[in-house]
PDB file of N, CA and C in Angstrom:
ATOM      1  N   MET A   1     195.632  96.461 146.364  1.00  0.00           N
ATOM      2  CA  MET A   1     194.805  97.445 146.528  1.00  0.00           C
ATOM      3  C   MET A   1     194.194  98.160 147.883  1.00  0.00           C
ATOM      4  N   GLU A   2     194.688  99.572 147.971  1.00  0.00           N
ATOM      5  CA  GLU A   2     194.375 100.213 148.888  1.00  0.00           C
ATOM      6  C   GLU A   2     192.883 100.920 148.811  1.00  0.00           C
ATOM      7  N   TYR A   3     191.738 101.446 149.833  1.00  0.00           N
ATOM      8  CA  TYR A   3     190.920 101.820 149.434  1.00  0.00           C
ATOM      9  C   TYR A   3     190.908 103.087 150.900  1.00  0.00           C
ATOM     10  N   ALA A   4     190.242 104.525 150.701  1.00  0.00           N
ATOM     11  CA  ALA A   4     190.111 104.772 151.672  1.00  0.00           C
ATOM     12  C   ALA A   4     188.742 105.684 151.249  1.00  0.00           C
ATOM     13  N   PHE A   5     187.466 105.561 152.529  1.00  0.00           N
ATOM     14  CA  PHE A   5     186.283 106.049 152.751  1.00  0.00           C
ATOM     15  C   PHE A   5     185.659 106.977 153.694  1.00  0.00           C
ATOM     16  N   GLU A   6     184.715 107.620 154.145  1.00  0.00           N
ATOM     17  CA  GLU A   6     184.340 107.635 155.277  1.00  0.00           C
ATOM     18  C   GLU A   6     182.686 106.984 154.998  1.00  0.00           C
ATOM     19  N   GLY A   7     182.381 106.756 156.316  1.00  0.00           N
ATOM     20  CA  GLY A   7     181.066 106.236 156.331  1.00  0.00           C
ATOM     21  C   GLY A   7     180.708 106.196 157.874  1.00  0.00           C
ATOM     22  N   ALA A   8     179.068 106.609 157.792  1.00  0.00           N
ATOM     23  CA  ALA A   8     178.326 106.356 159.347  1.00  0.00           C
ATOM     24  C   ALA A   8     178.177 104.781 159.526  1.00  0.00           C
ATOM     25  N   VAL A   9     178.597 104.719 160.906  1.00  0.00           N
ATOM     26  CA  VAL A   9     178.023 103.713 161.550  1.00  0.00           C
ATOM     27  C   VAL A   9     176.554 103.249 161.614  1.00  0.00           C
ATOM     28  N   ILE A  10     176.288 102.078 161.180  1.00  0.00           N
ATOM     29  CA  ILE A  10     174.969 101.300 161.184  1.00  0.00           C
ATOM     30  C   ILE A  10     174.947 100.270 161.803  1.00  0.00           C
ATOM     31  N   GLU A  11     173.566 100.163 162.040  1.00  0.00           N
ATOM     32  CA  GLU A  11     173.520  98.939 163.178  1.00  0.00           C
ATOM     33  C   GLU A  11     172.051  97.624 162.275  1.00  0.00           C
ATOM     34  N   TRP A  12     172.713  96.322 162.324  1.00  0.00           N
ATOM     35  CA  TRP A  12     171.930  95.726 161.660  1.00  0.00           C
ATOM     36  C   TRP A  12     171.231  94.873 162.889  1.00  0.00           C
ATOM     37  N   ARG A  13     169.750  94.910 162.937  1.00  0.00           N
ATOM     38  CA  ARG A  13     169.780  94.029 164.038  1.00  0.00           C
ATOM     39  C   ARG A  13     169.137  92.976 163.776  1.00  0.00           C
ATOM     40  N   GLY A  14     169.840  91.662 164.884  1.00  0.00           N
ATOM     41  CA  GLY A  14     169.298  90.399 164.659  1.00  0.00           C
ATOM     42  C   GLY A  14     169.247  89.971 165.944  1.00  0.00           C
ATOM     43  N   PRO A  15     169.505  88.436 166.065  1.00  0.00           N
ATOM     44  CA  PRO A  15     169.464  88.082 167.693  1.00  0.00           C
ATOM     45  C   PRO A  15     170.233  88.899 168.786  1.00  0.00           C
ATOM     46  N   ALA A  16     171.346  89.450 168.323  1.00  0.00           N
ATOM     47  CA  ALA A  16     172.084  90.237 168.932  1.00  0.00           C
ATOM     48  C   ALA A  16     172.593  91.587 167.898  1.00  0.00           C
ATOM     49  N   PRO A  17     172.555  93.144 168.198  1.00  0.00           N
ATOM     50  CA  PRO A  17     173.226  93.955 167.088  1.00  0.00           C
ATOM     51  C   PRO A  17     173.996  93.716 166.860  1.00  0.00           C
ATOM     52  N   PHE A  18     174.479  94.068 165.536  1.00  0.00           N
ATOM     53  CA  PHE A  18     175.722  94.212 164.833  1.00  0.00           C
ATOM     54  C   PHE A  18     175.976  95.198 164.147  1.00  0.00           C
ATOM     55  N   TYR A  19     177.169  96.077 164.006  1.00  0.00           N
ATOM     56  CA  TYR A  19     177.584  97.002 163.761  1.00  0.00           C
ATOM     57  C   TYR A  19     178.303  97.006 162.560  1.00  0.00           C
ATOM     58  N   TYR A  20     178.160  98.013 161.332  1.00  0.00           N
ATOM     59  CA  TYR A  20     178.858  97.832 159.928  1.00  0.00           C
ATOM     60  C   TYR A  20     179.084  99.314 159.777  1.00  0.00           C
ATOM     61  N   VAL A  21     180.409  99.810 158.615  1.00  0.00           N
ATOM     62  CA  VAL A  21     180.393 100.976 157.527  1.00  0.00           C
ATOM     63  C   VAL A  21     179.955 100.520 156.398  1.00  0.00           C
ATOM     64  N   PRO A  22     178.858 100.699 155.888  1.00  0.00           N
ATOM     65  CA  PRO A  22     178.739 100.726 154.652  1.00  0.00           C
ATOM     66  C   PRO A  22     179.684 101.294 153.391  1.00  0.00           C
ATOM     67  N   MET A  23     180.312 100.547 152.282  1.00  0.00           N
ATOM     68  CA  MET A  23     181.321 101.208 151.730  1.00  0.00           C
ATOM     69  C   MET A  23     180.126 102.172 150.647  1.00  0.00           C
ATOM     70  N   PRO A  24     180.864 103.335 150.252  1.00  0.00           N
ATOM     71  CA  PRO A  24     180.292 104.281 148.943  1.00  0.00           C
ATOM     72  C   PRO A  24     180.365 102.969 147.759  1.00  0.00           C
ATOM     73  N   VAL A  25     178.907 102.799 147.103  1.00  0.00           N
ATOM     74  CA  VAL A  25     178.850 102.234 146.012  1.00  0.00           C
ATOM     75  C   VAL A  25     179.833 102.475 144.925  1.00  0.00           C
ATOM     76  N   GLU A  26     180.402 103.766 144.618  1.00  0.00           N
ATOM     77  CA  GLU A  26     181.411 103.544 143.640  1.00  0.00           C
ATOM     78  C   GLU A  26     182.818 103.208 144.061  1.00  0.00           C
ATOM     79  N   ASP A  27     182.874 103.026 145.189  1.00  0.00           N
ATOM     80  CA  ASP A  27     184.347 102.354 145.677  1.00  0.00           C
ATOM     81  C   ASP A  27     184.041 100.865 145.516  1.00  0.00           C
ATOM     82  N   ALA A  28     182.788 100.580 146.001  1.00  0.00           N
ATOM     83  CA  ALA A  28     182.143  99.266 145.834  1.00  0.00           C
ATOM     84  C   ALA A  28     182.548  98.055 144.398  1.00  0.00           C
ATOM     85  N   GLU A  29     182.398  99.313 143.600  1.00  0.00           N
ATOM     86  CA  GLU A  29     182.007  98.800 142.314  1.00  0.00           C
ATOM     87  C   GLU A  29     183.918  98.283 141.748  1.00  0.00           C
ATOM     88  N   ASP A  30     184.744  98.954 142.150  1.00  0.00           N
ATOM     89  CA  ASP A  30     186.156  99.176 142.180  1.00  0.00           C
ATOM     90  C   ASP A  30     186.622  98.007 142.659  1.00  0.00           C
ATOM     91  N   LEU A  31     186.078  97.969 144.162  1.00  0.00           N
ATOM     92  CA  LEU A  31     186.485  96.479 145.068  1.00  0.00           C
ATOM     93  C   LEU A  31     185.823  95.154 144.411  1.00  0.00           C
ATOM     94  N   LYS A  32     184.943  95.714 143.802  1.00  0.00           N
ATOM     95  CA  LYS A  32     184.271  94.164 143.275  1.00  0.00           C
ATOM     96  C   LYS A  32     185.179  93.526 142.415  1.00  0.00           C
ATOM     97  N   GLU A  33     185.610  94.523 141.288  1.00  0.00           N
ATOM     98  CA  GLU A  33     186.644  94.128 140.415  1.00  0.00           C
ATOM     99  C   GLU A  33     188.128  93.974 140.686  1.00  0.00           C
ATOM    100  N   ASP A  34     188.586  94.390 141.804  1.00  0.00           N
ATOM    101  CA  ASP A  34     189.718  94.150 142.285  1.00  0.00           C
ATOM    102  C   ASP A  34     189.895  92.804 142.627  1.00  0.00           C
ATOM    103  N   ALA A  35     188.851  92.511 143.756  1.00  0.00           N
ATOM    104  CA  ALA A  35     188.954  91.326 144.476  1.00  0.00           C
ATOM    105  C   ALA A  35     188.062  90.166 143.896  1.00  0.00           C
ATOM    106  N   ARG A  36     187.975  90.229 142.435  1.00  0.00           N
ATOM    107  CA  ARG A  36     187.739  89.059 141.577  1.00  0.00           C
ATOM    108  C   ARG A  36     188.859  87.683 141.785  1.00  0.00           C
ATOM    109  N   GLY A  37     187.800  86.653 142.231  1.00  0.00           N
ATOM    110  CA  GLY A  37     188.835  85.293 142.452  1.00  0.00           C
ATOM    111  C   GLY A  37     189.169  85.228 143.902  1.00  0.00           C
ATOM    112  N   LEU A  38     189.133  86.189 144.658  1.00  0.00           N
ATOM    113  CA  LEU A  38     189.402  86.475 146.118  1.00  0.00           C
ATOM    114  C   LEU A  38     188.377  86.165 146.695  1.00  0.00           C
ATOM    115  N   GLU A  39     187.182  86.566 146.379  1.00  0.00           N
ATOM    116  CA  GLU A  39     186.162  86.466 147.307  1.00  0.00           C
ATOM    117  C   GLU A  39     185.317  85.039 147.348  1.00  0.00           C
ATOM    118  N   TYR A  40     184.895  84.680 148.715  1.00  0.00           N
ATOM    119  CA  TYR A  40     184.258  83.383 149.051  1.00  0.00           C
ATOM    120  C   TYR A  40     182.794  83.512 149.659  1.00  0.00           C
ATOM    121  N   TRP A  41     181.984  82.629 149.074  1.00  0.00           N
ATOM    122  CA  TRP A  41     180.648  83.309 149.492  1.00  0.00           C
ATOM    123  C   TRP A  41     180.147  84.804 149.247  1.00  0.00           C
ATOM    124  N   GLY A  42     180.406  85.390 148.553  1.00  0.00           N
ATOM    125  CA  GLY A  42     180.275  86.648 148.320  1.00  0.00           C
ATOM    126  C   GLY A  42     181.185  87.696 149.328  1.00  0.00           C
ATOM    127  N   GLN A  43     181.683  87.105 150.142  1.00  0.00           N
ATOM    128  CA  GLN A  43     182.305  88.087 151.285  1.00  0.00           C
ATOM    129  C   GLN A  43     183.800  88.208 150.315  1.00  0.00           C
ATOM    130  N   VAL A  44     184.656  89.222 151.208  1.00  0.00           N
ATOM    131  CA  VAL A  44     185.764  89.677 150.565  1.00  0.00           C
ATOM    132  C   VAL A  44     186.504  89.678 151.817  1.00  0.00           C
ATOM    133  N   ALA A  45     188.008  89.201 152.081  1.00  0.00           N
ATOM    134  CA  ALA A  45     188.645  89.254 153.354  1.00  0.00           C
ATOM    135  C   ALA A  45     189.412  90.518 152.962  1.00  0.00           C
ATOM    136  N   VAL A  46     189.233  91.489 154.271  1.00  0.00           N
ATOM    137  CA  VAL A  46     190.092  92.926 154.115  1.00  0.00           C
ATOM    138  C   VAL A  46     190.687  92.625 155.420  1.00  0.00           C
ATOM    139  N   THR A  47     191.799  93.963 155.421  1.00  0.00           N
ATOM    140  CA  THR A  47     192.732  94.062 156.591  1.00  0.00           C
ATOM    141  C   THR A  47     192.174  95.829 156.654  1.00  0.00           C
ATOM    142  N   ALA A  48     191.723  96.251 157.704  1.00  0.00           N
ATOM    143  CA  ALA A  48     190.932  97.407 157.837  1.00  0.00           C
ATOM    144  C   ALA A  48     191.798  98.369 159.353  1.00  0.00           C
ATOM    145  N   THR A  49     191.846  99.791 158.991  1.00  0.00           N
ATOM    146  CA  THR A  49     192.293 100.561 159.939  1.00  0.00           C
ATOM    147  C   THR A  49     190.915 101.787 160.263  1.00  0.00           C
ATOM    148  N   ILE A  50     190.689 101.710 161.457  1.00  0.00           N
ATOM    149  CA  ILE A  50     189.906 102.796 161.935  1.00  0.00           C
ATOM    150  C   ILE A  50     190.494 103.551 162.687  1.00  0.00           C
ATOM    151  N   GLY A  51     190.953 105.067 162.713  1.00  0.00           N
ATOM    152  CA  GLY A  51     191.584 105.617 163.960  1.00  0.00           C
ATOM    153  C   GLY A  51     192.971 104.678 164.074  1.00  0.00           C
ATOM    154  N   ALA A  52     193.492 104.666 165.305  1.00  0.00           N
ATOM    155  CA  ALA A  52     194.795 103.761 165.699  1.00  0.00           C
ATOM    156  C   ALA A  52     194.567 102.318 165.563  1.00  0.00           C
ATOM    157  N   THR A  53     193.335 101.606 165.360  1.00  0.00           N
ATOM    158  CA  THR A  53     192.945 100.450 165.519  1.00  0.00           C
ATOM    159  C   THR A  53     192.845  99.428 163.841  1.00  0.00           C
ATOM    160  N   THR A  54     194.127  98.664 163.810  1.00  0.00           N
ATOM    161  CA  THR A  54     193.954  97.695 162.769  1.00  0.00           C
ATOM    162  C   THR A  54     193.451  96.204 163.111  1.00  0.00           C
ATOM    163  N   PHE A  55     192.420  95.612 162.327  1.00  0.00           N
ATOM    164  CA  PHE A  55     191.764  94.795 162.302  1.00  0.00           C
ATOM    165  C   PHE A  55     191.564  93.632 160.749  1.00  0.00           C
ATOM    166  N   THR A  56     191.336  92.564 160.988  1.00  0.00           N
ATOM    167  CA  THR A  56     190.994  91.789 160.015  1.00  0.00           C
ATOM    168  C   THR A  56     189.641  91.207 160.173  1.00  0.00           C
ATOM    169  N   THR A  57     188.808  91.273 158.700  1.00  0.00           N
ATOM    170  CA  THR A  57     187.355  90.950 158.728  1.00  0.00           C
ATOM    171  C   THR A  57     187.417  90.493 157.276  1.00  0.00           C
ATOM    172  N   ALA A  58     185.761  90.420 157.034  1.00  0.00           N
ATOM    173  CA  ALA A  58     185.664  90.286 155.507  1.00  0.00           C
ATOM    174  C   ALA A  58     184.577  90.990 155.335  1.00  0.00           C
ATOM    175  N   LEU A  59     184.379  91.395 154.459  1.00  0.00           N
ATOM    176  CA  LEU A  59     183.132  92.375 154.069  1.00  0.00           C
ATOM    177  C   LEU A  59     181.916  91.722 153.539  1.00  0.00           C
ATOM    178  N   PHE A  60     180.637  92.322 153.425  1.00  0.00           N
ATOM    179  CA  PHE A  60     179.701  91.150 153.464  1.00  0.00           C
ATOM    180  C   PHE A  60     179.039  91.876 152.350  1.00  0.00           C
ATOM    181  N   PRO A  61     178.878  91.703 151.018  1.00  0.00           N
ATOM    182  CA  PRO A  61     177.760  91.881 150.133  1.00  0.00           C
ATOM    183  C   PRO A  61     176.500  92.240 150.544  1.00  0.00           C
ATOM    184  N   LYS A  62     176.074  93.739 150.250  1.00  0.00           N
ATOM    185  CA  LYS A  62     174.611  93.972 150.335  1.00  0.00           C
ATOM    186  C   LYS A  62     174.031  95.293 149.643  1.00  0.00           C
ATOM    187  N   ASP A  63     172.910  95.288 148.843  1.00  0.00           N
ATOM    188  CA  ASP A  63     172.516  95.914 148.083  1.00  0.00           C
ATOM    189  C   ASP A  63     173.177  97.228 147.203  1.00  0.00           C
ATOM    190  N   GLY A  64     174.229  95.824 146.503  1.00  0.00           N
ATOM    191  CA  GLY A  64     175.062  96.751 145.731  1.00  0.00           C
ATOM    192  C   GLY A  64     176.578  97.456 146.281  1.00  0.00           C
ATOM    193  N   THR A  65     176.451  97.128 147.693  1.00  0.00           N
ATOM    194  CA  THR A  65     177.831  97.731 147.849  1.00  0.00           C
ATOM    195  C   THR A  65     178.095  96.939 148.967  1.00  0.00           C
ATOM    196  N   TYR A  66     179.047  96.901 149.822  1.00  0.00           N
ATOM    197  CA  TYR A  66     179.666  95.755 150.757  1.00  0.00           C
ATOM    198  C   TYR A  66     179.431  96.774 152.137  1.00  0.00           C
ATOM    199  N   LEU A  67     179.547  95.687 153.283  1.00  0.00           N
ATOM    200  CA  LEU A  67     179.196  96.203 154.511  1.00  0.00           C
ATOM    201  C   LEU A  67     180.612  95.755 155.480  1.00  0.00           C
ATOM    202  N   LEU A  68     181.182  96.734 156.243  1.00  0.00           N
ATOM    203  CA  LEU A  68     182.637  96.544 156.976  1.00  0.00           C
ATOM    204  C   LEU A  68     181.921  96.057 158.112  1.00  0.00           C
ATOM    205  N   PRO A  69     181.917  94.842 158.877  1.00  0.00           N
ATOM    206  CA  PRO A  69     181.821  94.591 160.363  1.00  0.00           C
ATOM    207  C   PRO A  69     182.751  95.366 161.054  1.00  0.00           C
ATOM    208  N   LEU A  70     182.115  96.062 162.270  1.00  0.00           N
ATOM    209  CA  LEU A  70     182.822  96.749 163.314  1.00  0.00           C
ATOM    210  C   LEU A  70     182.675  95.765 164.440  1.00  0.00           C
ATOM    211  N   LYS A  71     184.020  94.923 164.550  1.00  0.00           N
ATOM    212  CA  LYS A  71     184.159  94.183 166.163  1.00  0.00           C
ATOM    213  C   LYS A  71     183.911  94.711 167.251  1.00  0.00           C
ATOM    214  N   VAL A  72     183.458  94.500 168.276  1.00  0.00           N
ATOM    215  CA  VAL A  72     183.275  95.264 169.443  1.00  0.00           C
ATOM    216  C   VAL A  72     184.377  95.433 170.020  1.00  0.00           C
ATOM    217  N   VAL A  73     185.528  94.961 169.936  1.00  0.00           N
ATOM    218  CA  VAL A  73     186.703  95.274 170.416  1.00  0.00           C
ATOM    219  C   VAL A  73     187.493  96.681 169.231  1.00  0.00           C
ATOM    220  N   VAL A  74     186.995  96.634 168.121  1.00  0.00           N
ATOM    221  CA  VAL A  74     187.148  97.978 167.822  1.00  0.00           C
ATOM    222  C   VAL A  74     186.402  99.242 168.147  1.00  0.00           C
ATOM    223  N   ARG A  75     185.123  98.718 168.154  1.00  0.00           N
ATOM    224  CA  ARG A  75     184.205  99.993 168.812  1.00  0.00           C
ATOM    225  C   ARG A  75     184.690 100.463 169.902  1.00  0.00           C
ATOM    226  N   LYS A  76     184.994  99.551 170.821  1.00  0.00           N
ATOM    227  CA  LYS A  76     185.435 100.067 172.201  1.00  0.00           C
ATOM    228  C   LYS A  76     186.774 100.753 172.156  1.00  0.00           C
ATOM    229  N   ALA A  77     187.871 100.567 171.390  1.00  0.00           N
ATOM    230  CA  ALA A  77     188.857 100.814 171.450  1.00  0.00           C
ATOM    231  C   ALA A  77     188.912 102.244 170.726  1.00  0.00           C
ATOM    232  N   GLU A  78     187.932 102.681 169.834  1.00  0.00           N
ATOM    233  CA  GLU A  78     187.957 103.800 168.653  1.00  0.00           C
ATOM    234  C   GLU A  78     186.606 104.840 169.717  1.00  0.00           C
ATOM    235  N   GLY A  79     185.702 104.270 170.533  1.00  0.00           N
ATOM    236  CA  GLY A  79     184.741 104.806 171.198  1.00  0.00           C
ATOM    237  C   GLY A  79     183.587 105.132 170.284  1.00  0.00           C
ATOM    238  N   LEU A  80     183.574 104.202 169.182  1.00  0.00           N
ATOM    239  CA  LEU A  80     182.491 104.094 168.261  1.00  0.00           C
ATOM    240  C   LEU A  80     181.024 104.153 168.579  1.00  0.00           C
ATOM    241  N   ASP A  81     179.966 104.664 168.026  1.00  0.00           N
ATOM    242  CA  ASP A  81     178.504 104.614 168.622  1.00  0.00           C
ATOM    243  C   ASP A  81     178.094 104.673 167.442  1.00  0.00           C
ATOM    244  N   LEU A  82     176.591 103.929 167.064  1.00  0.00           N
ATOM    245  CA  LEU A  82     175.242 104.413 166.041  1.00  0.00           C
ATOM    246  C   LEU A  82     175.722 105.695 165.419  1.00  0.00           C
ATOM    247  N   ASP A  83     175.823 105.578 163.948  1.00  0.00           N
ATOM    248  CA  ASP A  83     175.862 106.937 163.377  1.00  0.00           C
ATOM    249  C   ASP A  83     176.913 108.048 163.560  1.00  0.00           C
ATOM    250  N   ASP A  84     178.019 107.630 164.040  1.00  0.00           N
ATOM    251  CA  ASP A  84     179.032 108.210 163.899  1.00  0.00           C
ATOM    252  C   ASP A  84     179.824 108.020 162.896  1.00  0.00           C
ATOM    253  N   VAL A  85     180.625 109.167 161.948  1.00  0.00           N
ATOM    254  CA  VAL A  85     181.134 108.915 161.024  1.00  0.00           C
ATOM    255  C   VAL A  85     182.488 108.774 161.030  1.00  0.00           C
ATOM    256  N   VAL A  86     183.142 107.881 160.393  1.00  0.00           N
ATOM    257  CA  VAL A  86     184.121 107.151 160.440  1.00  0.00           C
ATOM    258  C   VAL A  86     185.174 107.265 159.148  1.00  0.00           C
ATOM    259  N   GLU A  87     186.481 107.473 159.109  1.00  0.00           N
ATOM    260  CA  GLU A  87     187.453 107.385 157.959  1.00  0.00           C
ATOM    261  C   GLU A  87     188.215 106.021 158.362  1.00  0.00           C
ATOM    262  N   VAL A  88     188.073 105.600 156.950  1.00  0.00           N
ATOM    263  CA  VAL A  88     188.519 103.542 156.976  1.00  0.00           C
ATOM    264  C   VAL A  88     189.409 103.765 155.844  1.00  0.00           C
ATOM    265  N   ARG A  89     190.457 103.261 156.280  1.00  0.00           N
ATOM    266  CA  ARG A  89     191.477 102.600 155.417  1.00  0.00           C
ATOM    267  C   ARG A  89     191.582 101.051 155.161  1.00  0.00           C
ATOM    268  N   MET A  90     191.233 100.497 153.860  1.00  0.00           N
ATOM    269  CA  MET A  90     191.310  99.254 154.028  1.00  0.00           C
ATOM    270  C   MET A  90     192.250  98.638 152.724  1.00  0.00           C
ATOM    271  N   ARG A  91     192.624  97.236 153.011  1.00  0.00           N
ATOM    272  CA  ARG A  91     193.305  96.651 151.524  1.00  0.00           C
ATOM    273  C   ARG A  91     192.829  95.534 151.890  1.00  0.00           C
ATOM    274  N   LEU A  92     192.793  94.567 150.692  1.00  0.00           N
ATOM    275  CA  LEU A  92     192.518  93.349 150.328  1.00  0.00           C
ATOM    276  C   LEU A  92     193.614  92.157 151.023  1.00  0.00           C
ATOM    277  N   GLY A  93     192.712  91.278 151.805  1.00  0.00           N
ATOM    278  CA  GLY A  93     193.290  90.180 152.378  1.00  0.00           C
ATOM    279  C   GLY A  93     193.721  90.383 153.649  1.00  0.00           C
ATOM    280  N   HIS A  94     194.166  90.028 154.723  1.00  0.00           N
ATOM    281  CA  HIS A  94     194.663  89.745 155.890  1.00  0.00           C
ATOM    282  C   HIS A  94     196.177  89.640 156.201  1.00  0.00           C
ATOM    283  N   ASP A  95     196.516  90.763 156.371  1.00  0.00           N
ATOM    284  CA  ASP A  95     197.983  90.650 156.616  1.00  0.00           C
ATOM    285  C   ASP A  95     198.464  91.675 157.835  1.00  0.00           C
ATOM    286  N   VAL A  96     197.663  91.805 158.433  1.00  0.00           N
ATOM    287  CA  VAL A  96     198.119  92.701 160.049  1.00  0.00           C
ATOM    288  C   VAL A  96     199.461  92.020 160.550  1.00  0.00           C
TER     289      VAL A  96
END
């Protein structure tokens, strides 16, 4: 199953800042059904593409949706910063 959505880059502060793109809630509801049995500890393995960069990661559940973590290498390659709106293409599983 493939998903496409837009979202703004957010920051979650901790000992080090982490950056994410939240999925729209309506897409997250579909993903939760599609990923049934594929999740582990609530996380869902995905392959995502932003711009020309394809990467693997795991979505984190939060507040009725999922957060797509943005690795430093992805942010640098695509020139992403806090509050930038990005287009995400994503599919279940790690198959880069």
